[in-house]
Amino acid sequence: MAEVPAALVEGPETVTPAEFAERYGADPADARLVTKVLGRYGLTVTETHLASRRLKVSGTLAALSAAFGTTLTAVTSPHQDGSGSVTHRYRSGGLSVPAELSGIITVVLGLDNRPQADHTFGA
């Protein structure tokens, strides 16, 4: 996978979305390998976006925890606006990826979905 040059990120160079995907998108073989390896953990790839190098996966907390070497816990807490409760996940411990995917998966996002902040516009 080629690095995106600074001239493209910061300007003035431009490319079409199709050119960007062709030059800098994820390798389809890598996406297939991620799907295969994470499938062994009981995870399912639900979305694949090669142009932006993103895959979305779903599975149980136990499967996600095992695949990414962390502990995920589901909790329910009061909603910030007092309208009831909200269920979310939080992560404790570090993150890792299966050895076969080292260098292919470069970041894991979205495991911890605790509410982070709320706007106060009009307050």
N, C-alpha and C. Protein backbone atom coordinates (compact mmCIF):
# COMPACT_ATOMS: atom_id res chain seq x y z
N MET A 1 0.85 -1.16 0.00
CA MET A 1 0.00 0.00 0.00
C MET A 1 0.89 1.23 0.00
N ALA A 2 0.65 2.11 -0.92
CA ALA A 2 1.46 3.32 -1.07
C ALA A 2 1.04 4.36 -0.04
N GLU A 3 2.02 5.11 0.44
CA GLU A 3 1.74 6.21 1.36
C GLU A 3 1.13 7.37 0.57
N VAL A 4 0.18 8.04 1.19
CA VAL A 4 -0.44 9.20 0.56
C VAL A 4 0.54 10.37 0.70
N PRO A 5 0.94 10.98 -0.42
CA PRO A 5 1.93 12.07 -0.35
C PRO A 5 1.34 13.33 0.29
N ALA A 6 2.21 14.08 0.93
CA ALA A 6 1.79 15.33 1.60
C ALA A 6 1.14 16.29 0.62
N ALA A 7 1.62 16.34 -0.62
CA ALA A 7 1.05 17.27 -1.61
C ALA A 7 -0.41 16.95 -1.89
N LEU A 8 -0.80 15.70 -1.70
CA LEU A 8 -2.19 15.32 -1.90
C LEU A 8 -3.02 15.63 -0.65
N VAL A 9 -2.42 15.44 0.51
CA VAL A 9 -3.12 15.70 1.77
C VAL A 9 -3.28 17.20 1.99
N GLU A 10 -2.21 17.94 1.80
CA GLU A 10 -2.19 19.36 2.12
C GLU A 10 -2.43 20.25 0.90
N GLY A 11 -2.42 19.68 -0.29
CA GLY A 11 -2.58 20.44 -1.52
C GLY A 11 -1.23 20.78 -2.10
N PRO A 12 -1.13 21.15 -3.30
CA PRO A 12 -2.21 21.47 -4.23
C PRO A 12 -2.65 20.29 -5.09
N GLU A 13 -1.99 19.14 -5.00
CA GLU A 13 -2.33 18.00 -5.85
C GLU A 13 -3.74 17.49 -5.54
N THR A 14 -4.44 17.05 -6.57
CA THR A 14 -5.76 16.44 -6.41
C THR A 14 -5.86 15.21 -7.30
N VAL A 15 -6.73 14.30 -6.92
CA VAL A 15 -7.05 13.12 -7.73
C VAL A 15 -8.54 12.84 -7.57
N THR A 16 -9.09 12.09 -8.49
CA THR A 16 -10.49 11.70 -8.37
C THR A 16 -10.60 10.61 -7.31
N PRO A 17 -11.80 10.40 -6.78
CA PRO A 17 -11.98 9.31 -5.81
C PRO A 17 -11.53 7.95 -6.37
N ALA A 18 -11.81 7.70 -7.64
CA ALA A 18 -11.41 6.42 -8.25
C ALA A 18 -9.88 6.30 -8.32
N GLU A 19 -9.21 7.39 -8.69
CA GLU A 19 -7.75 7.38 -8.73
C GLU A 19 -7.18 7.18 -7.33
N PHE A 20 -7.78 7.83 -6.34
CA PHE A 20 -7.32 7.68 -4.96
C PHE A 20 -7.43 6.22 -4.52
N ALA A 21 -8.58 5.61 -4.78
CA ALA A 21 -8.80 4.22 -4.40
C ALA A 21 -7.78 3.30 -5.08
N GLU A 22 -7.53 3.54 -6.35
CA GLU A 22 -6.58 2.70 -7.11
C GLU A 22 -5.17 2.83 -6.56
N ARG A 23 -4.74 4.05 -6.30
CA ARG A 23 -3.36 4.30 -5.85
C ARG A 23 -3.12 3.98 -4.38
N TYR A 24 -4.10 4.30 -3.53
CA TYR A 24 -3.83 4.29 -2.10
C TYR A 24 -4.77 3.42 -1.28
N GLY A 25 -5.75 2.81 -1.93
CA GLY A 25 -6.71 1.99 -1.20
C GLY A 25 -6.09 0.69 -0.72
N ALA A 26 -6.84 -0.02 0.11
CA ALA A 26 -6.37 -1.30 0.65
C ALA A 26 -6.33 -2.36 -0.44
N ASP A 27 -5.43 -3.28 -0.28
CA ASP A 27 -5.31 -4.42 -1.19
C ASP A 27 -6.48 -5.37 -0.93
N PRO A 28 -7.23 -5.75 -1.95
CA PRO A 28 -8.34 -6.70 -1.74
C PRO A 28 -7.90 -8.00 -1.08
N ALA A 29 -6.68 -8.45 -1.35
CA ALA A 29 -6.18 -9.68 -0.71
C ALA A 29 -6.03 -9.48 0.80
N ASP A 30 -5.63 -8.29 1.22
CA ASP A 30 -5.54 -8.00 2.65
C ASP A 30 -6.93 -8.04 3.29
N ALA A 31 -7.92 -7.47 2.62
CA ALA A 31 -9.29 -7.48 3.15
C ALA A 31 -9.80 -8.92 3.27
N ARG A 32 -9.48 -9.75 2.30
CA ARG A 32 -9.90 -11.15 2.38
C ARG A 32 -9.22 -11.85 3.55
N LEU A 33 -7.93 -11.57 3.77
CA LEU A 33 -7.21 -12.18 4.89
C LEU A 33 -7.80 -11.73 6.22
N VAL A 34 -8.09 -10.44 6.35
CA VAL A 34 -8.71 -9.94 7.59
C VAL A 34 -10.04 -10.66 7.83
N THR A 35 -10.85 -10.78 6.80
CA THR A 35 -12.14 -11.46 6.92
C THR A 35 -11.95 -12.90 7.38
N LYS A 36 -10.98 -13.58 6.79
CA LYS A 36 -10.72 -14.99 7.13
C LYS A 36 -10.23 -15.13 8.58
N VAL A 37 -9.25 -14.33 8.95
CA VAL A 37 -8.67 -14.45 10.29
C VAL A 37 -9.67 -14.04 11.36
N LEU A 38 -10.35 -12.93 11.18
CA LEU A 38 -11.32 -12.51 12.19
C LEU A 38 -12.51 -13.46 12.25
N GLY A 39 -12.81 -14.10 11.13
CA GLY A 39 -13.87 -15.11 11.11
C GLY A 39 -13.57 -16.28 12.04
N ARG A 40 -12.30 -16.60 12.20
CA ARG A 40 -11.91 -17.67 13.12
C ARG A 40 -12.26 -17.33 14.56
N TYR A 41 -12.37 -16.06 14.86
CA TYR A 41 -12.73 -15.61 16.20
C TYR A 41 -14.25 -15.47 16.36
N GLY A 42 -14.99 -15.72 15.28
CA GLY A 42 -16.44 -15.58 15.32
C GLY A 42 -16.92 -14.19 14.94
N LEU A 43 -16.04 -13.39 14.33
CA LEU A 43 -16.41 -12.05 13.90
C LEU A 43 -16.80 -12.06 12.43
N THR A 44 -17.69 -11.14 12.06
CA THR A 44 -18.15 -11.02 10.69
C THR A 44 -17.81 -9.64 10.17
N VAL A 45 -17.20 -9.57 9.00
CA VAL A 45 -16.97 -8.27 8.35
C VAL A 45 -18.29 -7.86 7.72
N THR A 46 -18.83 -6.73 8.17
CA THR A 46 -20.13 -6.27 7.71
C THR A 46 -20.04 -5.17 6.66
N GLU A 47 -18.92 -4.50 6.60
CA GLU A 47 -18.71 -3.45 5.60
C GLU A 47 -17.24 -3.45 5.20
N THR A 48 -17.01 -3.26 3.92
CA THR A 48 -15.64 -3.16 3.39
C THR A 48 -15.57 -1.92 2.53
N HIS A 49 -14.62 -1.05 2.83
CA HIS A 49 -14.43 0.17 2.04
C HIS A 49 -12.93 0.27 1.74
N LEU A 50 -12.54 -0.35 0.62
CA LEU A 50 -11.12 -0.42 0.28
C LEU A 50 -10.49 0.94 0.05
N ALA A 51 -11.24 1.87 -0.54
CA ALA A 51 -10.67 3.18 -0.86
C ALA A 51 -10.17 3.90 0.39
N SER A 52 -10.88 3.75 1.50
CA SER A 52 -10.46 4.43 2.74
C SER A 52 -9.80 3.46 3.72
N ARG A 53 -9.54 2.25 3.26
CA ARG A 53 -8.84 1.24 4.06
C ARG A 53 -9.58 0.90 5.34
N ARG A 54 -10.91 0.80 5.26
CA ARG A 54 -11.72 0.51 6.45
C ARG A 54 -12.54 -0.75 6.27
N LEU A 55 -12.62 -1.53 7.34
CA LEU A 55 -13.54 -2.65 7.43
C LEU A 55 -14.28 -2.52 8.74
N LYS A 56 -15.55 -2.85 8.72
CA LYS A 56 -16.36 -2.83 9.92
C LYS A 56 -16.69 -4.27 10.27
N VAL A 57 -16.54 -4.62 11.53
CA VAL A 57 -16.82 -5.99 11.95
C VAL A 57 -17.87 -5.99 13.05
N SER A 58 -18.52 -7.12 13.20
CA SER A 58 -19.47 -7.29 14.29
C SER A 58 -19.26 -8.66 14.90
N GLY A 59 -19.68 -8.76 16.15
CA GLY A 59 -19.57 -10.02 16.86
C GLY A 59 -19.87 -9.81 18.33
N THR A 60 -19.76 -10.87 19.08
CA THR A 60 -20.03 -10.79 20.51
C THR A 60 -18.88 -10.07 21.22
N LEU A 61 -19.16 -9.61 22.44
CA LEU A 61 -18.10 -8.99 23.24
C LEU A 61 -16.95 -9.97 23.45
N ALA A 62 -17.28 -11.23 23.68
CA ALA A 62 -16.24 -12.24 23.90
C ALA A 62 -15.36 -12.40 22.66
N ALA A 63 -15.97 -12.44 21.49
CA ALA A 63 -15.21 -12.61 20.25
C ALA A 63 -14.35 -11.39 19.97
N LEU A 64 -14.90 -10.19 20.15
CA LEU A 64 -14.12 -8.96 19.95
C LEU A 64 -12.97 -8.89 20.93
N SER A 65 -13.22 -9.25 22.18
CA SER A 65 -12.17 -9.24 23.20
C SER A 65 -11.05 -10.20 22.83
N ALA A 66 -11.41 -11.40 22.41
CA ALA A 66 -10.40 -12.39 22.05
C ALA A 66 -9.59 -11.96 20.83
N ALA A 67 -10.25 -11.45 19.82
CA ALA A 67 -9.56 -11.07 18.58
C ALA A 67 -8.59 -9.92 18.80
N PHE A 68 -8.95 -8.98 19.67
CA PHE A 68 -8.15 -7.78 19.83
C PHE A 68 -7.43 -7.70 21.17
N GLY A 69 -7.37 -8.82 21.89
CA GLY A 69 -6.56 -8.92 23.09
C GLY A 69 -6.90 -7.92 24.18
N THR A 70 -8.18 -7.69 24.40
CA THR A 70 -8.60 -6.71 25.39
C THR A 70 -9.79 -7.25 26.16
N THR A 71 -10.30 -6.46 27.08
CA THR A 71 -11.49 -6.83 27.82
C THR A 71 -12.57 -5.80 27.52
N LEU A 72 -13.71 -6.26 27.04
CA LEU A 72 -14.86 -5.39 26.77
C LEU A 72 -15.98 -5.76 27.73
N THR A 73 -16.62 -4.74 28.26
CA THR A 73 -17.71 -4.95 29.20
C THR A 73 -18.90 -4.10 28.77
N ALA A 74 -20.08 -4.68 28.80
CA ALA A 74 -21.31 -3.93 28.50
C ALA A 74 -21.85 -3.39 29.82
N VAL A 75 -22.17 -2.11 29.83
CA VAL A 75 -22.71 -1.48 31.03
C VAL A 75 -23.90 -0.61 30.66
N THR A 76 -24.74 -0.36 31.63
CA THR A 76 -25.87 0.55 31.46
C THR A 76 -25.70 1.68 32.46
N SER A 77 -25.85 2.88 31.99
CA SER A 77 -25.71 4.05 32.86
C SER A 77 -26.81 5.04 32.55
N PRO A 78 -27.05 5.99 33.46
CA PRO A 78 -28.09 6.98 33.21
C PRO A 78 -27.75 7.82 31.98
N HIS A 79 -28.76 8.12 31.18
CA HIS A 79 -28.57 8.99 30.02
C HIS A 79 -28.24 10.38 30.53
N GLN A 80 -27.36 11.09 29.82
CA GLN A 80 -26.91 12.41 30.27
C GLN A 80 -28.05 13.40 30.41
N ASP A 81 -29.12 13.24 29.63
CA ASP A 81 -30.21 14.20 29.72
C ASP A 81 -31.29 13.77 30.72
N GLY A 82 -31.03 12.67 31.44
CA GLY A 82 -31.96 12.21 32.45
C GLY A 82 -33.17 11.48 31.91
N SER A 83 -33.17 11.16 30.61
CA SER A 83 -34.35 10.56 29.98
C SER A 83 -34.40 9.04 30.10
N GLY A 84 -33.59 8.46 30.90
CA GLY A 84 -33.58 7.00 31.01
C GLY A 84 -32.16 6.51 31.13
N SER A 85 -31.88 5.41 30.44
CA SER A 85 -30.54 4.83 30.51
C SER A 85 -30.01 4.54 29.11
N VAL A 86 -28.72 4.34 29.05
CA VAL A 86 -28.05 4.03 27.79
C VAL A 86 -27.09 2.87 28.05
N THR A 87 -27.06 1.92 27.12
CA THR A 87 -26.14 0.79 27.22
C THR A 87 -24.97 1.04 26.29
N HIS A 88 -23.78 0.78 26.78
CA HIS A 88 -22.58 1.00 25.98
C HIS A 88 -21.50 0.01 26.41
N ARG A 89 -20.42 0.00 25.63
CA ARG A 89 -19.27 -0.86 25.92
C ARG A 89 -18.13 0.01 26.44
N TYR A 90 -17.33 -0.58 27.31
CA TYR A 90 -16.07 0.07 27.63
C TYR A 90 -14.96 -0.96 27.59
N ARG A 91 -13.80 -0.48 27.26
CA ARG A 91 -12.63 -1.34 27.09
C ARG A 91 -11.67 -1.11 28.23
N SER A 92 -11.07 -2.19 28.72
CA SER A 92 -9.98 -2.07 29.67
C SER A 92 -8.83 -2.94 29.18
N GLY A 93 -7.62 -2.46 29.41
CA GLY A 93 -6.44 -3.17 28.93
C GLY A 93 -6.03 -2.67 27.56
N GLY A 94 -4.94 -3.19 27.09
CA GLY A 94 -4.38 -2.79 25.80
C GLY A 94 -5.14 -3.39 24.64
N LEU A 95 -4.65 -3.11 23.46
CA LEU A 95 -5.20 -3.67 22.23
C LEU A 95 -4.09 -4.36 21.46
N SER A 96 -4.43 -5.43 20.79
CA SER A 96 -3.50 -6.09 19.89
C SER A 96 -4.30 -6.65 18.72
N VAL A 97 -3.60 -7.08 17.70
CA VAL A 97 -4.26 -7.74 16.58
C VAL A 97 -3.62 -9.11 16.41
N PRO A 98 -4.35 -10.04 15.82
CA PRO A 98 -3.76 -11.36 15.57
C PRO A 98 -2.46 -11.21 14.76
N ALA A 99 -1.47 -12.01 15.08
CA ALA A 99 -0.15 -11.91 14.47
C ALA A 99 -0.21 -11.91 12.95
N GLU A 100 -1.10 -12.70 12.35
CA GLU A 100 -1.23 -12.77 10.89
C GLU A 100 -1.62 -11.42 10.28
N LEU A 101 -2.21 -10.55 11.10
CA LEU A 101 -2.71 -9.28 10.58
C LEU A 101 -1.83 -8.09 10.97
N SER A 102 -0.70 -8.38 11.58
CA SER A 102 0.24 -7.32 11.94
C SER A 102 0.71 -6.61 10.68
N GLY A 103 0.63 -5.30 10.66
CA GLY A 103 1.00 -4.52 9.49
C GLY A 103 -0.14 -4.34 8.50
N ILE A 104 -1.18 -5.13 8.63
CA ILE A 104 -2.37 -4.98 7.78
C ILE A 104 -3.40 -4.13 8.52
N ILE A 105 -3.73 -4.55 9.75
CA ILE A 105 -4.59 -3.73 10.60
C ILE A 105 -3.68 -2.74 11.31
N THR A 106 -3.91 -1.47 11.08
CA THR A 106 -3.04 -0.45 11.69
C THR A 106 -3.72 0.29 12.83
N VAL A 107 -5.04 0.19 12.93
CA VAL A 107 -5.76 0.84 14.02
C VAL A 107 -7.08 0.11 14.24
N VAL A 108 -7.50 0.03 15.49
CA VAL A 108 -8.79 -0.57 15.84
C VAL A 108 -9.59 0.51 16.56
N LEU A 109 -10.74 0.84 16.01
CA LEU A 109 -11.58 1.91 16.56
C LEU A 109 -12.97 1.38 16.87
N GLY A 110 -13.65 2.01 17.79
CA GLY A 110 -15.05 1.75 18.03
C GLY A 110 -15.38 0.68 19.04
N LEU A 111 -14.37 0.06 19.65
CA LEU A 111 -14.69 -0.97 20.64
C LEU A 111 -15.30 -0.35 21.89
N ASP A 112 -14.77 0.79 22.28
CA ASP A 112 -15.27 1.50 23.45
C ASP A 112 -16.20 2.59 22.96
N ASN A 113 -17.48 2.47 23.25
CA ASN A 113 -18.43 3.47 22.75
C ASN A 113 -19.12 4.23 23.89
N ARG A 114 -18.38 4.43 24.98
CA ARG A 114 -18.93 5.23 26.08
C ARG A 114 -19.21 6.64 25.59
N PRO A 115 -20.27 7.24 26.11
CA PRO A 115 -20.51 8.64 25.76
C PRO A 115 -19.30 9.48 26.18
N GLN A 116 -18.83 10.34 25.29
CA GLN A 116 -17.63 11.12 25.57
C GLN A 116 -17.93 12.55 25.94
N ALA A 117 -18.85 13.16 25.26
CA ALA A 117 -19.15 14.57 25.51
C ALA A 117 -20.53 14.86 24.96
N ASP A 118 -21.07 15.96 25.41
CA ASP A 118 -22.37 16.39 24.93
C ASP A 118 -22.29 17.89 24.68
N HIS A 119 -22.94 18.34 23.64
CA HIS A 119 -22.91 19.76 23.35
C HIS A 119 -23.75 20.52 24.38
N THR A 120 -23.44 21.76 24.54
CA THR A 120 -24.21 22.60 25.47
C THR A 120 -24.78 23.82 24.75
N PHE A 121 -24.99 23.70 23.46
CA PHE A 121 -25.55 24.82 22.70
C PHE A 121 -26.92 25.17 23.25
N GLY A 122 -27.14 26.44 23.45
CA GLY A 122 -28.44 26.90 23.90
C GLY A 122 -28.70 26.69 25.37
N ALA A 123 -27.70 26.23 26.09
CA ALA A 123 -27.90 25.97 27.53
C ALA A 123 -27.76 27.24 28.33
